[in-house]
Each structure stands twice: as C-alpha cells, then as structure tokens.
Amino acid sequence: MIIGIPKEIKNNESRVALTPGGAKELIKEGHTVYVQQAAGINSGFPDDAYIAAGAHMLSTIEEIYAIA
C-alpha cells in the first residue's frame, strides 16, 4: 500500500496523521510511506525522523495526493 501524509492546513492545528514510529512500522510491513515536508514539525517530529524511519519526503500536498 502507498500511504501519503499531508501537512495539516487548518490554522493553529499541530497534529500529524502518522508519527515516525508509525511510519517505521508500516514500512517494516512492506508499505511505502510519503510525508509532506514539515508535516510533523509542530508535533515535535522533524523531517529527519521520518527519513530515518524510511519514509520519502515530498514538497507539496499536490505531490502527496498524486502519488498516494
């Protein structure tokens, strides 16, 4: 399965749909995970944490929607 995680677009919203740990588990099970850059920043999860988990980073929400 291809999973895409976009950055939250609502004002003052800090949540992210998937943590780096969750991404790592999904990837371990054979799924592909794409995360929009800075999606987890306001929740305390830097892009580097997603990359370390094996996720692919994309720049825009349009890229996330196109691939996932």
N, C-alpha and C. Protein backbone atom coordinates (compact mmCIF):
# COMPACT_ATOMS: atom_id res chain seq x y z
N MET A 1 0.84 -1.17 0.00
CA MET A 1 0.00 0.00 0.00
C MET A 1 0.89 1.24 0.00
N ILE A 2 0.44 2.26 -0.69
CA ILE A 2 1.15 3.55 -0.69
C ILE A 2 0.37 4.50 0.21
N ILE A 3 1.04 5.04 1.21
CA ILE A 3 0.41 5.89 2.21
C ILE A 3 0.99 7.29 2.10
N GLY A 4 0.13 8.29 2.02
CA GLY A 4 0.58 9.68 1.95
C GLY A 4 0.13 10.46 3.17
N ILE A 5 1.04 11.21 3.74
CA ILE A 5 0.76 12.01 4.94
C ILE A 5 0.95 13.48 4.61
N PRO A 6 -0.16 14.22 4.43
CA PRO A 6 -0.04 15.65 4.14
C PRO A 6 0.13 16.46 5.42
N LYS A 7 0.62 17.66 5.25
CA LYS A 7 0.73 18.61 6.35
C LYS A 7 -0.65 19.17 6.65
N GLU A 8 -0.96 19.38 7.92
CA GLU A 8 -2.24 19.96 8.33
C GLU A 8 -2.37 21.37 7.76
N ILE A 9 -3.55 21.70 7.24
CA ILE A 9 -3.75 23.02 6.63
C ILE A 9 -4.65 23.95 7.45
N LYS A 10 -5.26 23.44 8.52
CA LYS A 10 -6.10 24.30 9.35
C LYS A 10 -5.23 25.21 10.22
N ASN A 11 -5.70 26.42 10.46
CA ASN A 11 -4.98 27.36 11.33
C ASN A 11 -4.86 26.81 12.75
N ASN A 12 -3.73 27.00 13.35
CA ASN A 12 -3.45 26.60 14.74
C ASN A 12 -3.60 25.11 14.99
N GLU A 13 -3.47 24.30 13.97
CA GLU A 13 -3.56 22.85 14.11
C GLU A 13 -2.16 22.26 14.07
N SER A 14 -1.82 21.45 15.07
CA SER A 14 -0.46 20.93 15.20
C SER A 14 -0.36 19.42 15.01
N ARG A 15 -1.48 18.76 14.80
CA ARG A 15 -1.44 17.30 14.71
C ARG A 15 -0.86 16.83 13.37
N VAL A 16 -0.36 15.60 13.40
CA VAL A 16 0.09 14.93 12.19
C VAL A 16 -0.54 13.53 12.23
N ALA A 17 -0.89 13.01 11.06
CA ALA A 17 -1.63 11.75 10.99
C ALA A 17 -0.79 10.52 11.33
N LEU A 18 0.53 10.63 11.26
CA LEU A 18 1.38 9.47 11.50
C LEU A 18 2.70 9.92 12.10
N THR A 19 3.12 9.26 13.15
CA THR A 19 4.41 9.55 13.78
C THR A 19 5.52 8.83 13.01
N PRO A 20 6.76 9.23 13.22
CA PRO A 20 7.85 8.50 12.59
C PRO A 20 7.88 7.02 13.00
N GLY A 21 7.53 6.74 14.24
CA GLY A 21 7.45 5.34 14.69
C GLY A 21 6.39 4.55 13.94
N GLY A 22 5.26 5.19 13.71
CA GLY A 22 4.20 4.55 12.94
C GLY A 22 4.63 4.31 11.51
N ALA A 23 5.33 5.28 10.94
CA ALA A 23 5.85 5.13 9.58
C ALA A 23 6.81 3.95 9.50
N LYS A 24 7.68 3.85 10.49
CA LYS A 24 8.66 2.76 10.52
C LYS A 24 7.97 1.40 10.54
N GLU A 25 6.92 1.27 11.33
CA GLU A 25 6.18 0.01 11.41
C GLU A 25 5.50 -0.33 10.09
N LEU A 26 4.88 0.67 9.46
CA LEU A 26 4.23 0.44 8.18
C LEU A 26 5.23 0.03 7.12
N ILE A 27 6.38 0.69 7.10
CA ILE A 27 7.43 0.37 6.14
C ILE A 27 7.97 -1.03 6.39
N LYS A 28 8.11 -1.38 7.66
CA LYS A 28 8.59 -2.72 8.02
C LYS A 28 7.65 -3.80 7.50
N GLU A 29 6.37 -3.47 7.39
CA GLU A 29 5.37 -4.42 6.89
C GLU A 29 5.25 -4.40 5.36
N GLY A 30 6.10 -3.60 4.71
CA GLY A 30 6.15 -3.62 3.26
C GLY A 30 5.41 -2.49 2.56
N HIS A 31 4.88 -1.54 3.33
CA HIS A 31 4.18 -0.41 2.74
C HIS A 31 5.17 0.71 2.39
N THR A 32 4.74 1.60 1.51
CA THR A 32 5.54 2.77 1.15
C THR A 32 4.88 4.00 1.75
N VAL A 33 5.65 4.82 2.42
CA VAL A 33 5.11 6.00 3.10
C VAL A 33 5.75 7.26 2.53
N TYR A 34 4.89 8.21 2.15
CA TYR A 34 5.32 9.53 1.68
C TYR A 34 4.80 10.56 2.68
N VAL A 35 5.65 11.48 3.08
CA VAL A 35 5.29 12.52 4.05
C VAL A 35 5.60 13.88 3.44
N GLN A 36 4.65 14.80 3.56
CA GLN A 36 4.90 16.16 3.09
C GLN A 36 5.90 16.83 4.02
N GLN A 37 6.85 17.55 3.46
CA GLN A 37 7.85 18.23 4.27
C GLN A 37 7.19 19.09 5.34
N ALA A 38 7.73 19.03 6.53
CA ALA A 38 7.28 19.80 7.71
C ALA A 38 5.93 19.35 8.25
N ALA A 39 5.43 18.20 7.82
CA ALA A 39 4.12 17.72 8.31
C ALA A 39 4.12 17.49 9.82
N GLY A 40 5.23 17.04 10.37
CA GLY A 40 5.27 16.71 11.80
C GLY A 40 5.96 17.74 12.67
N ILE A 41 6.45 18.82 12.10
CA ILE A 41 7.24 19.80 12.84
C ILE A 41 6.50 20.32 14.07
N ASN A 42 5.25 20.74 13.91
CA ASN A 42 4.50 21.31 15.04
C ASN A 42 4.12 20.28 16.09
N SER A 43 4.28 19.01 15.78
CA SER A 43 4.03 17.95 16.75
C SER A 43 5.32 17.42 17.35
N GLY A 44 6.44 18.03 16.98
CA GLY A 44 7.72 17.62 17.54
C GLY A 44 8.43 16.53 16.75
N PHE A 45 8.00 16.29 15.51
CA PHE A 45 8.62 15.27 14.68
C PHE A 45 9.27 15.91 13.46
N PRO A 46 10.59 16.09 13.48
CA PRO A 46 11.27 16.72 12.34
C PRO A 46 11.32 15.79 11.13
N ASP A 47 11.53 16.37 9.98
CA ASP A 47 11.61 15.59 8.74
C ASP A 47 12.66 14.48 8.85
N ASP A 48 13.77 14.78 9.49
CA ASP A 48 14.84 13.79 9.62
C ASP A 48 14.38 12.51 10.32
N ALA A 49 13.42 12.64 11.24
CA ALA A 49 12.91 11.46 11.94
C ALA A 49 12.12 10.56 10.98
N TYR A 50 11.37 11.17 10.08
CA TYR A 50 10.63 10.38 9.08
C TYR A 50 11.59 9.74 8.08
N ILE A 51 12.61 10.48 7.69
CA ILE A 51 13.60 9.95 6.76
C ILE A 51 14.33 8.77 7.40
N ALA A 52 14.69 8.91 8.67
CA ALA A 52 15.37 7.83 9.39
C ALA A 52 14.48 6.59 9.49
N ALA A 53 13.17 6.80 9.53
CA ALA A 53 12.22 5.69 9.60
C ALA A 53 12.04 5.01 8.25
N GLY A 54 12.52 5.67 7.18
CA GLY A 54 12.41 5.09 5.84
C GLY A 54 11.36 5.72 4.96
N ALA A 55 10.72 6.79 5.43
CA ALA A 55 9.70 7.46 4.64
C ALA A 55 10.34 8.35 3.58
N HIS A 56 9.59 8.62 2.54
CA HIS A 56 10.02 9.52 1.48
C HIS A 56 9.38 10.88 1.72
N MET A 57 10.14 11.94 1.56
CA MET A 57 9.63 13.29 1.76
C MET A 57 9.27 13.92 0.42
N LEU A 58 8.12 14.59 0.38
CA LEU A 58 7.68 15.34 -0.80
C LEU A 58 7.40 16.77 -0.40
N SER A 59 7.55 17.69 -1.33
CA SER A 59 7.45 19.11 -1.01
C SER A 59 6.04 19.64 -0.84
N THR A 60 5.10 19.14 -1.65
CA THR A 60 3.77 19.75 -1.66
C THR A 60 2.66 18.74 -1.42
N ILE A 61 1.51 19.25 -1.01
CA ILE A 61 0.35 18.40 -0.81
C ILE A 61 -0.11 17.79 -2.13
N GLU A 62 0.07 18.53 -3.21
CA GLU A 62 -0.31 18.02 -4.54
C GLU A 62 0.51 16.77 -4.90
N GLU A 63 1.79 16.80 -4.53
CA GLU A 63 2.65 15.62 -4.78
C GLU A 63 2.17 14.43 -3.97
N ILE A 64 1.80 14.69 -2.72
CA ILE A 64 1.29 13.61 -1.85
C ILE A 64 0.04 13.00 -2.46
N TYR A 65 -0.91 13.83 -2.85
CA TYR A 65 -2.17 13.35 -3.41
C TYR A 65 -1.96 12.64 -4.74
N ALA A 66 -0.99 13.07 -5.53
CA ALA A 66 -0.75 12.45 -6.83
C ALA A 66 -0.16 11.04 -6.71
N ILE A 67 0.62 10.80 -5.68
CA ILE A 67 1.33 9.54 -5.57
C ILE A 67 0.63 8.53 -4.65
N ALA A 68 -0.12 9.00 -3.70
CA ALA A 68 -0.72 8.08 -2.72
C ALA A 68 -2.19 7.80 -3.01
